Protein backbone atom coordinates (compact mmCIF):
# COMPACT_ATOMS: atom_id res chain seq x y z
CA MET A 1 0.00 0.00 0.00
CA ALA A 2 1.38 3.39 -1.02
CA ASN A 3 2.33 5.91 1.62
CA ALA A 4 -0.26 8.58 2.30
CA SER A 5 0.42 11.93 0.65
CA GLU A 6 1.46 14.88 2.80
CA ASP A 7 -2.06 16.34 2.55
CA GLU A 8 -3.51 13.14 3.99
CA VAL A 9 -1.29 13.19 7.09
CA PRO A 10 -3.29 14.43 10.11
CA TRP A 11 -2.30 17.93 11.25
CA PHE A 12 -1.30 16.70 14.68
CA GLU A 13 1.36 14.48 13.11
CA LYS A 14 2.93 17.47 11.35
CA ILE A 15 3.68 19.43 14.52
CA GLU A 16 5.42 18.90 17.83
CA ILE A 17 4.42 20.57 21.10
CA GLY A 18 6.50 20.38 24.24
CA TYR A 19 8.52 22.13 26.92
CA LYS A 20 12.28 22.71 26.84
CA LYS A 21 13.32 25.73 28.90
CA GLY A 22 9.97 27.15 27.75
CA LEU A 23 6.83 26.11 25.90
CA TYR A 24 7.27 25.48 22.17
CA ILE A 25 5.40 24.41 19.09
CA LYS A 26 7.10 23.57 15.80
CA THR A 27 6.50 21.81 12.50
CA MET A 28 8.28 18.51 11.92
CA ASP A 29 10.09 19.92 8.86
CA GLY A 30 11.62 22.67 11.03
CA ASN A 31 10.37 25.52 8.83
CA TYR A 32 8.07 27.02 11.48
CA SER A 33 8.47 27.32 15.24
CA LEU A 34 7.11 29.35 18.13
CA ASN A 35 8.77 29.46 21.56
CA MET A 36 7.20 31.19 24.54
CA HIS A 37 9.05 32.40 27.63
CA PHE A 38 7.77 34.33 30.62
CA LEU A 39 9.88 36.37 33.06
CA ILE A 40 8.46 37.38 36.46
CA GLN A 41 10.52 39.39 38.98
CA PRO A 42 8.68 40.45 42.17
CA GLN A 43 10.95 42.59 44.33
CA PHE A 44 11.18 44.33 47.71
CA TYR A 45 12.99 47.66 47.44
CA ASN A 46 14.37 49.71 50.32
CA LEU A 47 16.23 53.00 49.95
CA ALA A 48 17.68 54.74 52.99
CA ALA A 49 17.92 58.13 51.33
CA ASP A 50 20.21 60.94 52.44
CA MET A 51 18.58 64.37 52.08
CA ALA A 52 15.30 62.80 50.89
CA SER A 53 12.46 60.58 52.06
CA ASN A 54 13.19 56.90 52.65
CA ILE A 55 11.47 54.32 50.45
CA SER A 56 10.25 50.82 51.36
CA THR A 57 8.03 49.18 48.79
CA PHE A 58 7.17 46.03 46.89
CA ILE A 59 7.39 46.34 43.12
CA LEU A 60 7.19 44.15 40.06
CA ARG A 61 10.53 44.75 38.42
CA HIS A 62 9.72 42.80 35.26
CA GLY A 63 6.80 40.86 33.89
CA GLN A 64 7.73 39.95 30.34
CA MET A 65 6.27 37.80 27.58
CA ARG A 66 8.76 36.60 24.97
CA PHE A 67 7.91 34.94 21.66
CA PHE A 68 10.58 33.79 19.24
CA GLY A 69 11.31 31.19 16.61
CA ASN A 70 11.49 30.93 12.82
CA PHE A 71 9.13 31.02 9.85
CA PHE A 72 9.25 29.78 6.23
CA ASN A 73 12.85 28.64 6.80
CA PRO A 74 15.05 27.72 9.79
CA LYS A 75 17.34 30.62 8.87
CA LEU A 76 14.62 33.27 9.11
CA LYS A 77 14.32 34.07 12.83
CA TYR A 78 11.99 36.43 14.70
CA ARG A 79 11.46 37.74 18.22
CA VAL A 80 8.73 39.74 19.96
CA MET A 81 8.93 40.80 23.61
CA PHE A 82 6.47 42.82 25.70
CA GLU A 83 6.62 44.23 29.20
CA LEU A 84 3.22 43.61 30.77
CA PRO A 85 1.06 46.51 32.08
CA GLY A 86 1.84 47.75 35.59
CA MET A 87 5.57 46.91 35.69
CA GLN A 88 7.55 49.52 37.66
CA GLY A 89 4.49 51.72 37.84
CA GLY A 90 3.78 51.64 34.09
CA ALA A 91 0.16 51.80 33.00
CA THR A 92 0.34 50.19 29.56
CA SER A 93 2.12 47.32 27.87
CA ASN A 94 5.53 48.22 26.52
CA LEU A 95 7.04 46.79 23.36
CA ARG A 96 10.69 45.91 23.92
CA ASP A 97 11.79 43.68 21.03
CA MET A 98 10.32 43.13 17.60
CA TRP A 99 12.75 42.02 14.94
CA VAL A 100 13.40 39.67 12.05
CA ASP A 101 16.86 38.16 11.54
CA TRP A 102 17.89 36.52 8.28
CA GLN A 103 20.74 34.21 9.32
CA TRP A 104 21.90 33.43 5.79
CA LYS A 105 25.39 32.29 6.72
CA LYS A 106 27.23 32.15 10.02
CA TYR A 107 29.45 34.99 8.83
CA PHE A 108 26.66 37.17 7.33
CA GLN A 109 23.28 37.83 8.97
CA ILE A 110 20.88 40.80 8.83
CA LYS A 111 18.55 41.88 11.63
CA MET A 112 15.86 44.56 11.21
CA GLY A 113 13.39 46.00 13.68
CA GLN A 114 13.68 47.05 17.34
CA PHE A 115 16.42 45.46 19.44
CA LEU A 116 19.25 46.15 21.86
CA VAL A 117 22.01 48.35 20.48
CA PHE A 118 25.12 46.14 20.39
CA TYR A 119 27.36 48.44 22.39
CA ASP A 120 28.74 47.31 25.77
CA HIS A 121 28.90 43.93 27.51
CA GLU A 122 26.84 44.83 30.57
CA ASN A 123 23.88 46.08 28.55
CA LEU A 124 23.91 42.99 26.32
CA GLU A 125 23.77 40.54 29.22
CA PRO A 126 20.24 39.03 29.34
CA THR A 127 17.95 40.51 32.00
CA TRP A 128 17.28 37.02 33.39
CA ALA A 129 21.02 36.29 33.77
CA LEU A 130 22.13 39.36 35.74
CA GLN A 131 24.55 38.87 38.62
CA PHE A 132 22.95 41.75 40.55
CA VAL A 133 19.25 42.60 40.69
CA ASP A 134 19.85 45.25 38.03
CA ARG A 135 22.62 46.72 35.90
CA SER A 136 25.02 49.33 37.25
CA ILE A 137 24.98 53.14 37.10
CA ILE A 138 27.27 52.85 34.05
CA ASN A 139 24.41 51.41 32.03
CA ALA A 140 21.93 53.99 33.33
CA ASN A 141 24.17 56.95 32.47
CA LEU A 142 26.45 55.87 29.62
CA GLY A 143 24.86 52.74 28.15
CA PHE A 144 22.26 52.17 25.46
CA GLU A 145 18.81 50.64 25.45
CA ARG A 146 16.77 49.37 22.54
CA ASP A 147 16.41 51.27 19.28
CA LEU A 148 15.01 50.88 15.77
CA GLY A 149 17.27 50.04 12.86
CA VAL A 150 19.26 47.41 11.01
CA ASP A 151 22.25 45.31 12.17
CA VAL A 152 24.57 43.28 9.95
CA HIS A 153 26.34 40.70 12.10
CA GLY A 154 28.12 37.36 12.09
CA ASN A 155 30.87 35.11 13.43
CA LEU A 156 34.25 34.50 11.82
CA PHE A 157 37.26 32.24 12.35
CA SER A 158 35.40 29.42 14.13
CA ASP A 159 33.54 31.90 16.38
CA ARG A 160 36.77 33.52 17.54
CA LEU A 161 35.58 36.86 16.15
CA GLU A 162 32.05 38.32 16.35
CA TYR A 163 31.02 41.54 14.63
CA ASP A 164 28.00 43.86 14.48
CA LEU A 165 27.59 46.86 12.16
CA PHE A 166 24.42 48.85 12.68
CA LEU A 167 22.43 51.89 11.58
CA MET A 168 19.79 53.10 14.06
CA ASN A 169 17.36 55.99 14.63
CA GLY A 170 19.25 56.98 17.77
CA ASP A 171 16.14 58.11 19.69
CA GLY A 172 15.37 55.02 21.78
CA ARG A 173 12.72 52.33 21.65
CA ASN A 174 9.26 52.90 20.22
CA GLN A 175 10.39 56.19 18.65
CA ILE A 176 10.58 57.29 15.05
CA ASN A 177 13.65 59.28 14.05
CA LEU A 178 13.08 62.82 15.30
CA ASN A 179 15.42 64.41 12.75
CA LYS A 180 17.06 63.51 9.44
CA LYS A 181 20.25 62.17 11.02
CA LEU A 182 20.89 58.56 12.02
CA MET A 183 23.18 56.82 14.49
CA THR A 184 25.80 54.41 13.18
CA GLY A 185 28.24 52.11 14.93
CA GLY A 186 29.76 48.71 15.37
CA ARG A 187 31.03 46.18 17.88
CA ILE A 188 33.76 43.54 17.66
CA VAL A 189 34.24 40.73 20.18
CA MET A 190 37.34 38.56 20.27
CA ASN A 191 36.70 35.24 21.99
CA LEU A 192 40.27 34.61 23.10
CA LEU A 193 39.27 31.49 25.05
CA GLY A 194 35.93 29.77 24.48
CA LYS A 195 32.74 31.70 23.58
CA HIS A 196 31.43 34.00 26.28
CA ASN A 197 27.84 34.63 25.08
CA TYR A 198 27.34 37.67 27.34
CA PHE A 199 26.84 35.73 30.56
CA ILE A 200 28.77 37.12 33.55
CA SER A 201 28.11 34.40 36.15
CA ASP A 202 29.94 31.09 35.75
CA LEU A 203 26.89 29.01 36.65
CA GLU A 204 28.27 25.97 34.82
CA LYS A 205 31.61 26.18 36.68
CA LEU A 206 33.58 25.88 33.44
CA SER A 207 36.52 23.49 33.48
CA ASP A 208 38.20 25.47 30.67
CA PRO A 209 38.77 29.23 31.03
CA ASP A 210 36.54 31.57 29.06
CA LEU A 211 37.99 34.96 28.08
CA ALA A 212 36.49 37.58 25.74
CA PHE A 213 37.50 41.12 24.80
CA GLY A 214 35.06 43.54 23.15
CA ILE A 215 35.25 47.05 21.72
CA ALA A 216 32.53 49.21 20.20
CA ALA A 217 32.10 52.70 18.76
CA ILE A 218 29.06 54.78 17.86
CA TYR A 219 28.71 58.07 16.00
CA ASP A 220 25.42 59.87 16.59
CA MET A 221 25.16 62.64 13.99
CA GLY A 222 22.41 64.56 15.77
CA ASN A 223 21.12 63.30 19.12
CA THR A 224 17.78 64.99 19.80
CA SER A 225 17.96 64.33 23.56
CA VAL A 226 21.21 66.34 23.81
CA ASP A 227 20.19 69.43 21.82
CA ASN A 228 20.91 67.65 18.51
CA ASN A 229 24.64 67.65 19.30
CA ARG A 230 27.04 65.23 17.63
CA LEU A 231 28.18 62.45 19.95
CA THR A 232 30.98 59.92 19.66
CA ARG A 233 30.71 56.93 22.00
CA VAL A 234 33.46 54.37 22.64
CA THR A 235 33.54 51.37 24.99
CA GLY A 236 35.82 48.47 25.81
CA ASP A 237 35.25 45.44 28.03
CA ILE A 238 36.94 42.22 29.08
CA ALA A 239 35.09 39.25 30.59
CA PHE A 240 36.45 36.10 32.21
CA ARG A 241 34.89 32.90 33.66
CA TYR A 242 36.56 29.82 35.12
CA LEU A 243 35.73 27.22 37.80
CA GLY A 244 32.87 29.27 39.26
CA PHE A 245 34.78 32.58 39.22
CA SER A 246 33.71 35.44 36.96
CA ALA A 247 34.97 38.95 36.30
CA LEU A 248 33.96 41.87 34.10
CA ALA A 249 35.87 45.12 33.55
CA LEU A 250 34.34 47.83 31.41
CA ALA A 251 35.05 51.43 30.38
CA ASN A 252 32.65 53.79 28.57
CA MET A 253 33.25 57.22 27.04
CA ALA A 254 30.93 59.81 25.44
CA TYR A 255 32.42 62.81 23.59
CA ASN A 256 30.26 65.79 22.59
CA SER A 257 32.04 67.59 19.74
CA ALA A 258 29.73 70.63 19.91
CA LYS A 259 30.63 71.26 23.57
CA ASN A 260 34.09 69.70 23.43
CA GLU A 261 33.20 67.82 26.62
CA THR A 262 33.69 64.16 27.60
CA ASP A 263 31.83 61.95 30.09
CA TYR A 264 33.40 58.63 31.02
CA GLY A 265 32.93 55.80 33.48
CA PHE A 266 34.40 52.54 34.73
CA LEU A 267 32.92 49.29 36.03
CA GLY A 268 34.48 46.35 37.83
CA GLN A 269 32.45 43.30 38.83
CA MET A 270 33.38 39.86 40.18
CA GLY A 271 31.55 36.79 41.38
CA TYR A 272 32.26 33.34 42.77
CA PHE A 273 30.13 30.27 43.47
CA LEU A 274 30.74 29.16 47.03
CA LEU A 275 28.39 26.23 46.37
CA ALA A 276 28.56 24.85 42.82
CA GLU A 277 25.56 25.88 40.71
CA SER A 278 23.59 27.12 43.73
CA PHE A 279 25.11 29.92 45.89
CA GLU A 280 27.04 32.87 44.43
CA VAL A 281 28.61 35.96 45.98
CA ALA A 282 29.32 38.97 43.76
CA GLY A 283 30.82 42.43 44.20
CA ARG A 284 30.59 45.57 42.08
CA TRP A 285 32.20 49.00 41.84
CA ALA A 286 31.32 51.72 39.32
CA LYS A 287 32.31 55.37 38.94
CA ILE A 288 31.24 58.04 36.44
CA PHE A 289 32.95 61.34 35.68
CA LYS A 290 30.53 63.85 34.20
CA ASN A 291 31.61 66.99 32.38
CA GLY A 292 28.34 67.84 30.62
CA ALA A 293 28.76 65.83 27.41
CA LEU A 294 25.35 64.16 27.77
CA GLY A 295 23.52 67.06 29.39
CA THR A 296 23.98 69.75 32.01
CA ASP A 297 24.50 67.39 34.98
CA THR A 298 28.15 67.46 36.12
CA ILE A 299 27.80 65.59 39.43
CA ASP A 300 29.90 62.41 39.54
CA PRO A 301 27.99 59.35 40.86
CA GLN A 302 29.62 56.25 42.33
CA GLU A 303 28.34 52.80 43.30
CA ALA A 304 29.72 49.96 45.38
CA GLY A 305 27.79 46.85 46.29
CA VAL A 306 27.54 43.15 47.04
CA SER A 307 25.02 40.56 45.85
CA LEU A 308 24.07 37.15 47.25
CA ASN A 309 22.38 34.82 44.76
CA TYR A 310 20.78 31.43 45.38
CA TYR A 311 19.94 29.37 42.31
CA PHE A 312 17.16 26.86 43.00
CA HIS A 313 16.99 25.82 39.34
CA GLY A 314 19.61 27.79 37.45
CA HIS A 315 18.43 31.17 36.19
CA HIS A 316 14.90 29.78 35.92
CA VAL A 317 14.26 30.02 39.67
CA LYS A 318 16.64 32.16 41.71
CA LEU A 319 16.59 34.46 44.73
CA GLN A 320 18.80 37.55 44.84
CA VAL A 321 19.53 40.10 47.54
CA ASP A 322 21.92 42.98 46.93
CA TYR A 323 23.15 45.99 48.87
CA SER A 324 24.61 49.11 47.25
CA ARG A 325 26.09 52.32 48.54
CA LEU A 326 25.24 55.12 46.08
CA TRP A 327 27.31 58.30 46.30
CA ASN A 328 25.89 61.50 44.75
CA ASN A 329 22.68 59.67 43.94
CA ALA A 330 19.77 61.29 42.05
CA ALA A 331 22.15 63.87 40.51
CA THR A 332 22.49 65.60 43.92
CA GLN A 333 25.89 66.50 45.32
CA ASP A 334 26.62 64.80 48.68
CA ARG A 335 23.40 62.77 48.60
CA ASN A 336 24.69 59.35 49.60
CA ASP A 337 22.03 56.62 49.74
CA ASP A 338 21.97 53.01 50.91
CA ARG A 339 19.88 50.60 48.84
CA VAL A 340 18.74 47.02 49.58
CA ARG A 341 16.79 44.89 47.11
CA LEU A 342 15.37 41.39 47.46
CA GLN A 343 14.14 39.76 44.26
CA LEU A 344 12.68 36.40 43.27
CA GLN A 345 12.99 35.40 39.63
CA LEU A 346 10.81 32.93 37.72
CA PHE A 347 11.86 32.38 34.10
CA PHE A 348 9.95 29.71 32.25
């Protein structure tokens, strides 16, 4: 008896549904897939504020829905990510990612849509894999968020070299370009040992050392948030992981050619698993020197802190508590605050 034609095969035999680090559905030929992830981060936040009112509150740091996969072809990838209503006091849902990535060859791929600007290591680390409850003051003051544009990227020399070349609006996520000028830049990562993949913590307790060095530069021809001034941004970072130990060193610089002023900052962060794959201790120091390149604020903030992380099931279920001393916080000279945060993470 002849085999049944493809049209005669029941629909439920053409697809696969299951769970592997998230719910998924895919066709048996691999041409279509949909993966769903959810990130929930309830948090208790306490700020002992100097020269201001103290804060003690429960918040929902993140409540995200993530959808990703491929369509028509395994090489045509997509991703959509929303922040749910009510997160951090927000009233409406917030589109974070929406992009399509044609991964034609390993060495040549094109991404279009809204996505993270490939600038510095700390910003590119996944939200669900952070070593502290949140990123440092370097990211808040000198880093980049998501933007709209196109990114040509790929891996060369057996993944030893990664590159990104991008052209973006330069006005942040969910914004059209507010002038005729665009932001252009690029990032190169040299995987000197292994492939780092933008994870700081050595959760796997790697038996072989993992060392990566990255540099990036951006030229913003007319940034509307800084009086349409021309900005040149440069960053460099080095990341290391081995036997449960991790370290990240990072430097950022922003030069405003219209003002002839430069803002720059430095970050150092280390962590170590006292109990393999379960209990991690991390420390952080960050300092920014402001001269008015990115605005009128010239007060230099500084941060030092420690984080204790317990991994019940990797990054999927973990409990974090961190303490930070924040000097010159809230752009106020001599306002030195103490901050404690306790956060539970569910990522499934």
